[in-house]
Structures are given as C-alpha cells and as structure tokens.
Amino acid sequence: MNTWLFLPKSQTVQSLSRRRIVVGGAMAGLTATLGTAALKPRPVYANAHDAASDAAILNNALFYEHQAIWAYGFAAGKLSMSDVGQAVKALALKNQADHMAHRDVLAEVVRSLGATPVNAESSYDVSSYLQKGEGNLDSDVNIAKLALALETDAAIAYTAEVAQLKNPALITAGASIGSNEASHATAIRAAFVSLGVDIPIVPSAFVSADTRESWILTV
C-alpha cells in the first residue's frame, strides 16, 4: 500500500491538479441524481411486515448518510489553506452535497413507510479508522485517506443492505446510491493521482469486503 505523496512543486501544476480534483467531484455528483426518482413515490407492499423491514434498512442507511455529512463537515475545518487543502475541501463539499441529497430522500421514504427517520447525532466515532491507519486528521492528505475509507465502506454497506430490501423500486434506487458512494471513492483516488501518487484510479472490478484493501490508502 502506497503511503507517500509527491506534491507538485510548480504552481501551474498545482492549479491544474486542483481543477482535476474539482472536475472529478462534479462527475461524481452527477450520478447522485440517477435513480433517486424511484424513491419518490410511496412504495407498494403486500404486507406491513415487509414495509417495516424496508424502513429499518433505509433508516440504517440514513444513519451512515448522517455520519458522512458530519465527517465531511468536521474534516473540512481541519484542512489547510494550501492549494492541496482547498482542492480536497472542494471535493469534500461536493461529496457532502450528495450525502445530503441521499439523506433527504431516504428520510422522506422512511416517513412514507410509516416509520420515523433516525436523527443525526452531534458527532460520530471514527476512531476505529484512525487506529487502523486508514486516514487521520493531522494533514490534508490523511484527511483525504479517511474520506476514502469511509466512502469505500459506504459503497460496500449499500451493496449488502440493498440485497435485503423487499421493494424492487427501492432496490434499484438503493443500488444507484451505492454506485454514487463508489464514485466518491473513485474521485478521491483520482485526486491522489492528479497530485502525483502512482496508484490505479479504479483498483478492482468490484467494490466489496473482499477487495476493500485495494481501495483504501493507509497513512
């Protein structure tokens, strides 16, 4: 696992890298609009048990959307004012905006199923990631690595959760959100490449628990 970063020394190269990072985030954000329309109408169920089951699954996904929104907001305040720090911040805010869109739609559907959406907490514990060296809050680079680990796990979690949903429309929409989480991870890896890190942008044909180590970057 690569744990180093070769930062461009030329201001011109830094500006180009920053533009690439922002464009990567914009492309990731585009996919957030795909599939969420399927979540808008109230899903139809044959029985109340299936509706309650899907509501519980979506509430679990909503919890992690709240966590992602908090994590990006918390980390953004710790990024430096350097070109790299501000480029990472621009990408982080674009990813955060996607998570906010996911949050709003998921909460709406949970309510439509007769359940109460889980509320956001004041803070979330990411110490397990820090302890494993899957990012940190001590530098722009390590904050980006932490975001990468969180997005990778979000993509993996959606794959597992979507398989348990009962309603076909929700399965389709949930899979779309999961693919958006994977695009976030891809955009972050592309940002590292634009800053001179020699890694593949897409390291595996799958985003799963089995391939997780190939997606994340350790400190």
C-alpha atoms as a PDB file:
ATOM      1  CA  MET A   1       0.000   0.000   0.000  1.00  0.00           C
ATOM      2  CA  ASN A   2       1.428   3.371  -1.014  1.00  0.00           C
ATOM      3  CA  THR A   3       1.811   5.692   1.955  1.00  0.00           C
ATOM      4  CA  TRP A   4       3.649   8.573   0.305  1.00  0.00           C
ATOM      5  CA  LEU A   5       2.627  11.638  -1.654  1.00  0.00           C
ATOM      6  CA  PHE A   6       4.698  13.524  -4.231  1.00  0.00           C
ATOM      7  CA  LEU A   7       3.220  17.013  -4.321  1.00  0.00           C
ATOM      8  CA  PRO A   8       3.734  19.069  -7.499  1.00  0.00           C
ATOM      9  CA  LYS A   9       6.211  21.896  -6.941  1.00  0.00           C
ATOM     10  CA  SER A  10       5.015  24.095  -9.804  1.00  0.00           C
ATOM     11  CA  GLN A  11       2.147  26.477  -9.107  1.00  0.00           C
ATOM     12  CA  THR A  12       0.872  25.740 -12.616  1.00  0.00           C
ATOM     13  CA  VAL A  13       0.787  22.024 -11.938  1.00  0.00           C
ATOM     14  CA  GLN A  14      -0.907  22.633  -8.574  1.00  0.00           C
ATOM     15  CA  SER A  15      -3.621  24.706 -10.246  1.00  0.00           C
ATOM     16  CA  LEU A  16      -4.141  22.029 -12.885  1.00  0.00           C
ATOM     17  CA  SER A  17      -4.362  19.360 -10.177  1.00  0.00           C
ATOM     18  CA  ARG A  18      -6.900  21.416  -8.301  1.00  0.00           C
ATOM     19  CA  ARG A  19      -9.082  21.725 -11.412  1.00  0.00           C
ATOM     20  CA  ARG A  20      -8.863  17.981 -11.977  1.00  0.00           C
ATOM     21  CA  ILE A  21      -9.945  17.304  -8.408  1.00  0.00           C
ATOM     22  CA  VAL A  22     -12.938  19.627  -8.723  1.00  0.00           C
ATOM     23  CA  VAL A  23     -13.975  18.144 -12.080  1.00  0.00           C
ATOM     24  CA  GLY A  24     -13.741  14.649 -10.604  1.00  0.00           C
ATOM     25  CA  GLY A  25     -16.058  15.675  -7.787  1.00  0.00           C
ATOM     26  CA  ALA A  26     -18.532  17.212 -10.216  1.00  0.00           C
ATOM     27  CA  MET A  27     -18.711  13.988 -12.201  1.00  0.00           C
ATOM     28  CA  ALA A  28     -19.276  12.028  -9.010  1.00  0.00           C
ATOM     29  CA  GLY A  29     -22.057  14.405  -8.036  1.00  0.00           C
ATOM     30  CA  LEU A  30     -23.790  13.898 -11.380  1.00  0.00           C
ATOM     31  CA  THR A  31     -24.536  10.277 -10.575  1.00  0.00           C
ATOM     32  CA  ALA A  32     -26.280  11.275  -7.350  1.00  0.00           C
ATOM     33  CA  THR A  33     -29.299  12.353  -9.365  1.00  0.00           C
ATOM     34  CA  LEU A  34     -29.665   8.977 -11.039  1.00  0.00           C
ATOM     35  CA  GLY A  35     -32.125   6.514  -9.595  1.00  0.00           C
ATOM     36  CA  THR A  36     -33.372   8.651  -6.707  1.00  0.00           C
ATOM     37  CA  ALA A  37     -36.594   9.363  -8.598  1.00  0.00           C
ATOM     38  CA  ALA A  38     -37.524   5.759  -7.905  1.00  0.00           C
ATOM     39  CA  LEU A  39     -37.575   6.589  -4.204  1.00  0.00           C
ATOM     40  CA  LYS A  40     -40.075   9.433  -4.535  1.00  0.00           C
ATOM     41  CA  PRO A  41     -43.414   7.614  -4.946  1.00  0.00           C
ATOM     42  CA  ARG A  42     -44.603   5.712  -1.911  1.00  0.00           C
ATOM     43  CA  PRO A  43     -43.577   2.051  -2.419  1.00  0.00           C
ATOM     44  CA  VAL A  44     -46.382  -0.511  -2.508  1.00  0.00           C
ATOM     45  CA  TYR A  45     -46.194  -3.572  -0.270  1.00  0.00           C
ATOM     46  CA  ALA A  46     -48.237  -6.731   0.080  1.00  0.00           C
ATOM     47  CA  ASN A  47     -47.922  -6.642   3.876  1.00  0.00           C
ATOM     48  CA  ALA A  48     -46.928  -4.321   6.708  1.00  0.00           C
ATOM     49  CA  HIS A  49     -44.021  -6.540   7.781  1.00  0.00           C
ATOM     50  CA  ASP A  50     -42.144  -6.007   4.502  1.00  0.00           C
ATOM     51  CA  ALA A  51     -42.734  -2.254   4.682  1.00  0.00           C
ATOM     52  CA  ALA A  52     -41.389  -2.129   8.239  1.00  0.00           C
ATOM     53  CA  SER A  53     -38.383  -4.220   7.224  1.00  0.00           C
ATOM     54  CA  ASP A  54     -37.506  -1.888   4.361  1.00  0.00           C
ATOM     55  CA  ALA A  55     -37.984   1.154   6.593  1.00  0.00           C
ATOM     56  CA  ALA A  56     -35.498  -0.295   9.102  1.00  0.00           C
ATOM     57  CA  ILE A  57     -32.943  -0.970   6.352  1.00  0.00           C
ATOM     58  CA  LEU A  58     -33.316   2.536   4.935  1.00  0.00           C
ATOM     59  CA  ASN A  59     -33.002   4.017   8.414  1.00  0.00           C
ATOM     60  CA  ASN A  60     -29.716   2.160   8.816  1.00  0.00           C
ATOM     61  CA  ALA A  61     -28.529   3.687   5.538  1.00  0.00           C
ATOM     62  CA  LEU A  62     -29.745   7.079   6.749  1.00  0.00           C
ATOM     63  CA  PHE A  63     -27.577   6.750   9.873  1.00  0.00           C
ATOM     64  CA  TYR A  64     -24.472   6.407   7.698  1.00  0.00           C
ATOM     65  CA  GLU A  65     -25.505   9.321   5.493  1.00  0.00           C
ATOM     66  CA  HIS A  66     -25.705  11.453   8.655  1.00  0.00           C
ATOM     67  CA  GLN A  67     -22.255  10.176   9.634  1.00  0.00           C
ATOM     68  CA  ALA A  68     -20.781  11.047   6.233  1.00  0.00           C
ATOM     69  CA  ILE A  69     -22.259  14.556   6.305  1.00  0.00           C
ATOM     70  CA  TRP A  70     -20.810  15.117   9.779  1.00  0.00           C
ATOM     71  CA  ALA A  71     -17.407  13.664   8.845  1.00  0.00           C
ATOM     72  CA  TYR A  72     -17.005  15.899   5.803  1.00  0.00           C
ATOM     73  CA  GLY A  73     -18.100  18.967   7.752  1.00  0.00           C
ATOM     74  CA  PHE A  74     -15.794  18.160  10.654  1.00  0.00           C
ATOM     75  CA  ALA A  75     -12.797  17.415   8.441  1.00  0.00           C
ATOM     76  CA  ALA A  76     -13.314  20.463   6.211  1.00  0.00           C
ATOM     77  CA  GLY A  77     -12.498  22.733   9.136  1.00  0.00           C
ATOM     78  CA  LYS A  78      -9.156  20.985   9.624  1.00  0.00           C
ATOM     79  CA  LEU A  79      -7.911  21.324   6.044  1.00  0.00           C
ATOM     80  CA  SER A  80      -5.125  23.804   5.361  1.00  0.00           C
ATOM     81  CA  MET A  81      -5.364  26.896   3.172  1.00  0.00           C
ATOM     82  CA  SER A  82      -2.821  25.425   0.736  1.00  0.00           C
ATOM     83  CA  ASP A  83      -3.789  24.601  -2.846  1.00  0.00           C
ATOM     84  CA  VAL A  84      -3.940  20.932  -1.923  1.00  0.00           C
ATOM     85  CA  GLY A  85      -6.031  21.554   1.189  1.00  0.00           C
ATOM     86  CA  GLN A  86      -8.511  23.766  -0.635  1.00  0.00           C
ATOM     87  CA  ALA A  87      -8.752  21.335  -3.558  1.00  0.00           C
ATOM     88  CA  VAL A  88      -9.513  18.492  -1.142  1.00  0.00           C
ATOM     89  CA  LYS A  89     -12.092  20.730   0.542  1.00  0.00           C
ATOM     90  CA  ALA A  90     -13.822  21.457  -2.779  1.00  0.00           C
ATOM     91  CA  LEU A  91     -14.120  17.747  -3.500  1.00  0.00           C
ATOM     92  CA  ALA A  92     -15.251  17.032   0.068  1.00  0.00           C
ATOM     93  CA  LEU A  93     -18.045  19.601  -0.146  1.00  0.00           C
ATOM     94  CA  LYS A  94     -19.274  18.141  -3.429  1.00  0.00           C
ATOM     95  CA  ASN A  95     -19.347  14.662  -1.910  1.00  0.00           C
ATOM     96  CA  GLN A  96     -21.070  16.040   1.181  1.00  0.00           C
ATOM     97  CA  ALA A  97     -23.770  17.611  -1.000  1.00  0.00           C
ATOM     98  CA  ASP A  98     -24.500  14.171  -2.475  1.00  0.00           C
ATOM     99  CA  HIS A  99     -24.826  12.712   1.014  1.00  0.00           C
ATOM    100  CA  MET A 100     -27.261  15.487   1.926  1.00  0.00           C
ATOM    101  CA  ALA A 101     -29.366  14.591  -1.111  1.00  0.00           C
ATOM    102  CA  HIS A 102     -29.304  10.931  -0.087  1.00  0.00           C
ATOM    103  CA  ARG A 103     -30.279  11.906   3.468  1.00  0.00           C
ATOM    104  CA  ASP A 104     -33.273  13.956   2.371  1.00  0.00           C
ATOM    105  CA  VAL A 105     -34.672  11.295   0.049  1.00  0.00           C
ATOM    106  CA  LEU A 106     -34.106   8.428   2.484  1.00  0.00           C
ATOM    107  CA  ALA A 107     -35.816  10.339   5.298  1.00  0.00           C
ATOM    108  CA  GLU A 108     -38.777  11.080   3.039  1.00  0.00           C
ATOM    109  CA  VAL A 109     -39.218   7.423   2.103  1.00  0.00           C
ATOM    110  CA  VAL A 110     -38.845   6.219   5.698  1.00  0.00           C
ATOM    111  CA  ARG A 111     -41.648   8.601   6.677  1.00  0.00           C
ATOM    112  CA  SER A 112     -43.785   7.402   3.763  1.00  0.00           C
ATOM    113  CA  LEU A 113     -43.439   3.861   5.139  1.00  0.00           C
ATOM    114  CA  GLY A 114     -44.875   4.972   8.478  1.00  0.00           C
ATOM    115  CA  ALA A 115     -41.580   4.983  10.367  1.00  0.00           C
ATOM    116  CA  THR A 116     -39.567   7.773  11.996  1.00  0.00           C
ATOM    117  CA  PRO A 117     -36.291   8.711  10.291  1.00  0.00           C
ATOM    118  CA  VAL A 118     -33.247   8.377  12.538  1.00  0.00           C
ATOM    119  CA  ASN A 119     -31.920  11.748  13.663  1.00  0.00           C
ATOM    120  CA  ALA A 120     -28.393  12.987  13.114  1.00  0.00           C
ATOM    121  CA  GLU A 121     -26.092  12.788  16.129  1.00  0.00           C
ATOM    122  CA  SER A 122     -23.939  15.677  17.291  1.00  0.00           C
ATOM    123  CA  SER A 123     -20.780  13.688  16.492  1.00  0.00           C
ATOM    124  CA  TYR A 124     -19.684  10.264  15.291  1.00  0.00           C
ATOM    125  CA  ASP A 125     -16.839   7.974  16.263  1.00  0.00           C
ATOM    126  CA  VAL A 126     -14.265   7.366  13.516  1.00  0.00           C
ATOM    127  CA  SER A 127     -11.525   6.257  15.917  1.00  0.00           C
ATOM    128  CA  SER A 128     -11.515   2.720  14.507  1.00  0.00           C
ATOM    129  CA  TYR A 129     -10.323   4.112  11.169  1.00  0.00           C
ATOM    130  CA  LEU A 130      -7.614   6.187  12.814  1.00  0.00           C
ATOM    131  CA  GLN A 131      -6.419   3.232  14.889  1.00  0.00           C
ATOM    132  CA  LYS A 132      -6.074   1.091  11.768  1.00  0.00           C
ATOM    133  CA  GLY A 133      -4.184   3.854   9.963  1.00  0.00           C
ATOM    134  CA  GLU A 134      -6.931   4.304   7.371  1.00  0.00           C
ATOM    135  CA  GLY A 135      -6.565   8.068   7.420  1.00  0.00           C
ATOM    136  CA  ASN A 136      -6.168  10.698  10.095  1.00  0.00           C
ATOM    137  CA  LEU A 137      -6.991  14.338  10.846  1.00  0.00           C
ATOM    138  CA  ASP A 138      -3.420  15.606  11.052  1.00  0.00           C
ATOM    139  CA  SER A 139      -2.874  16.587   7.393  1.00  0.00           C
ATOM    140  CA  ASP A 140      -4.735  17.293   4.157  1.00  0.00           C
ATOM    141  CA  VAL A 141      -3.508  14.012   2.671  1.00  0.00           C
ATOM    142  CA  ASN A 142      -4.546  11.886   5.635  1.00  0.00           C
ATOM    143  CA  ILE A 143      -7.968  13.543   5.803  1.00  0.00           C
ATOM    144  CA  ALA A 144      -8.473  12.556   2.155  1.00  0.00           C
ATOM    145  CA  LYS A 145      -7.444   8.997   3.028  1.00  0.00           C
ATOM    146  CA  LEU A 146     -10.004   8.911   5.854  1.00  0.00           C
ATOM    147  CA  ALA A 147     -12.707  10.114   3.450  1.00  0.00           C
ATOM    148  CA  LEU A 148     -11.671   7.390   1.019  1.00  0.00           C
ATOM    149  CA  ALA A 149     -12.052   4.680   3.662  1.00  0.00           C
ATOM    150  CA  LEU A 150     -15.470   5.998   4.717  1.00  0.00           C
ATOM    151  CA  GLU A 151     -16.728   6.184   1.132  1.00  0.00           C
ATOM    152  CA  THR A 152     -15.431   2.703   0.346  1.00  0.00           C
ATOM    153  CA  ASP A 153     -17.240   1.287   3.353  1.00  0.00           C
ATOM    154  CA  ALA A 154     -20.410   3.156   2.389  1.00  0.00           C
ATOM    155  CA  ALA A 155     -20.352   1.572  -1.065  1.00  0.00           C
ATOM    156  CA  ILE A 156     -19.811  -1.874   0.460  1.00  0.00           C
ATOM    157  CA  ALA A 157     -22.581  -1.345   3.026  1.00  0.00           C
ATOM    158  CA  TYR A 158     -25.127  -0.302   0.397  1.00  0.00           C
ATOM    159  CA  THR A 159     -24.406  -3.468  -1.577  1.00  0.00           C
ATOM    160  CA  ALA A 160     -25.202  -5.595   1.465  1.00  0.00           C
ATOM    161  CA  GLU A 161     -28.234  -3.570   2.571  1.00  0.00           C
ATOM    162  CA  VAL A 162     -29.853  -3.273  -0.861  1.00  0.00           C
ATOM    163  CA  ALA A 163     -29.910  -7.067  -1.188  1.00  0.00           C
ATOM    164  CA  GLN A 164     -32.242  -7.237   1.822  1.00  0.00           C
ATOM    165  CA  LEU A 165     -34.865  -4.770   0.552  1.00  0.00           C
ATOM    166  CA  LYS A 166     -38.260  -6.173  -0.431  1.00  0.00           C
ATOM    167  CA  ASN A 167     -39.413  -3.495  -2.869  1.00  0.00           C
ATOM    168  CA  PRO A 168     -37.891  -3.624  -6.396  1.00  0.00           C
ATOM    169  CA  ALA A 169     -38.033   0.176  -6.843  1.00  0.00           C
ATOM    170  CA  LEU A 170     -36.109   0.672  -3.622  1.00  0.00           C
ATOM    171  CA  ILE A 171     -33.549  -1.943  -4.649  1.00  0.00           C
ATOM    172  CA  THR A 172     -32.916  -0.026  -7.881  1.00  0.00           C
ATOM    173  CA  ALA A 173     -32.670   3.330  -6.116  1.00  0.00           C
ATOM    174  CA  GLY A 174     -30.501   1.928  -3.325  1.00  0.00           C
ATOM    175  CA  ALA A 175     -28.130   0.424  -5.866  1.00  0.00           C
ATOM    176  CA  SER A 176     -27.881   3.850  -7.528  1.00  0.00           C
ATOM    177  CA  ILE A 177     -26.919   5.458  -4.217  1.00  0.00           C
ATOM    178  CA  GLY A 178     -24.373   2.710  -3.623  1.00  0.00           C
ATOM    179  CA  SER A 179     -22.825   3.345  -7.027  1.00  0.00           C
ATOM    180  CA  ASN A 180     -22.611   7.038  -6.125  1.00  0.00           C
ATOM    181  CA  GLU A 181     -20.661   6.152  -2.980  1.00  0.00           C
ATOM    182  CA  ALA A 182     -18.292   4.113  -5.159  1.00  0.00           C
ATOM    183  CA  SER A 183     -17.903   7.109  -7.491  1.00  0.00           C
ATOM    184  CA  HIS A 184     -16.927   9.218  -4.471  1.00  0.00           C
ATOM    185  CA  ALA A 185     -14.159   6.748  -3.654  1.00  0.00           C
ATOM    186  CA  THR A 186     -13.064   6.799  -7.293  1.00  0.00           C
ATOM    187  CA  ALA A 187     -12.989  10.614  -7.362  1.00  0.00           C
ATOM    188  CA  ILE A 188     -10.838  10.693  -4.230  1.00  0.00           C
ATOM    189  CA  ARG A 189      -8.395   8.194  -5.719  1.00  0.00           C
ATOM    190  CA  ALA A 190      -8.319  10.286  -8.924  1.00  0.00           C
ATOM    191  CA  ALA A 191      -7.444  13.301  -6.776  1.00  0.00           C
ATOM    192  CA  PHE A 192      -4.425  11.438  -5.393  1.00  0.00           C
ATOM    193  CA  VAL A 193      -3.345  10.539  -8.935  1.00  0.00           C
ATOM    194  CA  SER A 194      -3.641  14.189 -10.013  1.00  0.00           C
ATOM    195  CA  LEU A 195      -1.345  15.092  -7.119  1.00  0.00           C
ATOM    196  CA  GLY A 196       1.335  12.656  -8.248  1.00  0.00           C
ATOM    197  CA  VAL A 197       0.546   9.414  -6.423  1.00  0.00           C
ATOM    198  CA  ASP A 198       1.176   6.382  -8.622  1.00  0.00           C
ATOM    199  CA  ILE A 199      -1.963   4.315  -7.952  1.00  0.00           C
ATOM    200  CA  PRO A 200      -4.735   2.982 -10.211  1.00  0.00           C
ATOM    201  CA  ILE A 201      -7.851   5.143 -10.004  1.00  0.00           C
ATOM    202  CA  VAL A 202     -10.045   2.033 -10.085  1.00  0.00           C
ATOM    203  CA  PRO A 203      -8.014  -0.707  -8.387  1.00  0.00           C
ATOM    204  CA  SER A 204     -10.547  -3.517  -8.740  1.00  0.00           C
ATOM    205  CA  ALA A 205     -13.501  -4.561 -10.872  1.00  0.00           C
ATOM    206  CA  PHE A 206     -15.539  -4.824  -7.647  1.00  0.00           C
ATOM    207  CA  VAL A 207     -16.124  -2.763  -4.526  1.00  0.00           C
ATOM    208  CA  SER A 208     -16.654  -5.362  -1.823  1.00  0.00           C
ATOM    209  CA  ALA A 209     -15.376  -6.577   1.512  1.00  0.00           C
ATOM    210  CA  ASP A 210     -13.020  -8.886  -0.384  1.00  0.00           C
ATOM    211  CA  THR A 211     -11.457  -6.037  -2.385  1.00  0.00           C
ATOM    212  CA  ARG A 212     -11.624  -3.340   0.325  1.00  0.00           C
ATOM    213  CA  GLU A 213      -7.869  -3.290   0.975  1.00  0.00           C
ATOM    214  CA  SER A 214      -7.169  -2.484  -2.669  1.00  0.00           C
ATOM    215  CA  TRP A 215      -9.400   0.624  -2.487  1.00  0.00           C
ATOM    216  CA  ILE A 216      -8.190   2.323   0.700  1.00  0.00           C
ATOM    217  CA  LEU A 217      -4.871   4.087   1.331  1.00  0.00           C
ATOM    218  CA  THR A 218      -3.167   3.861   4.686  1.00  0.00           C
ATOM    219  CA  VAL A 219      -1.169   6.604   6.391  1.00  0.00           C
END
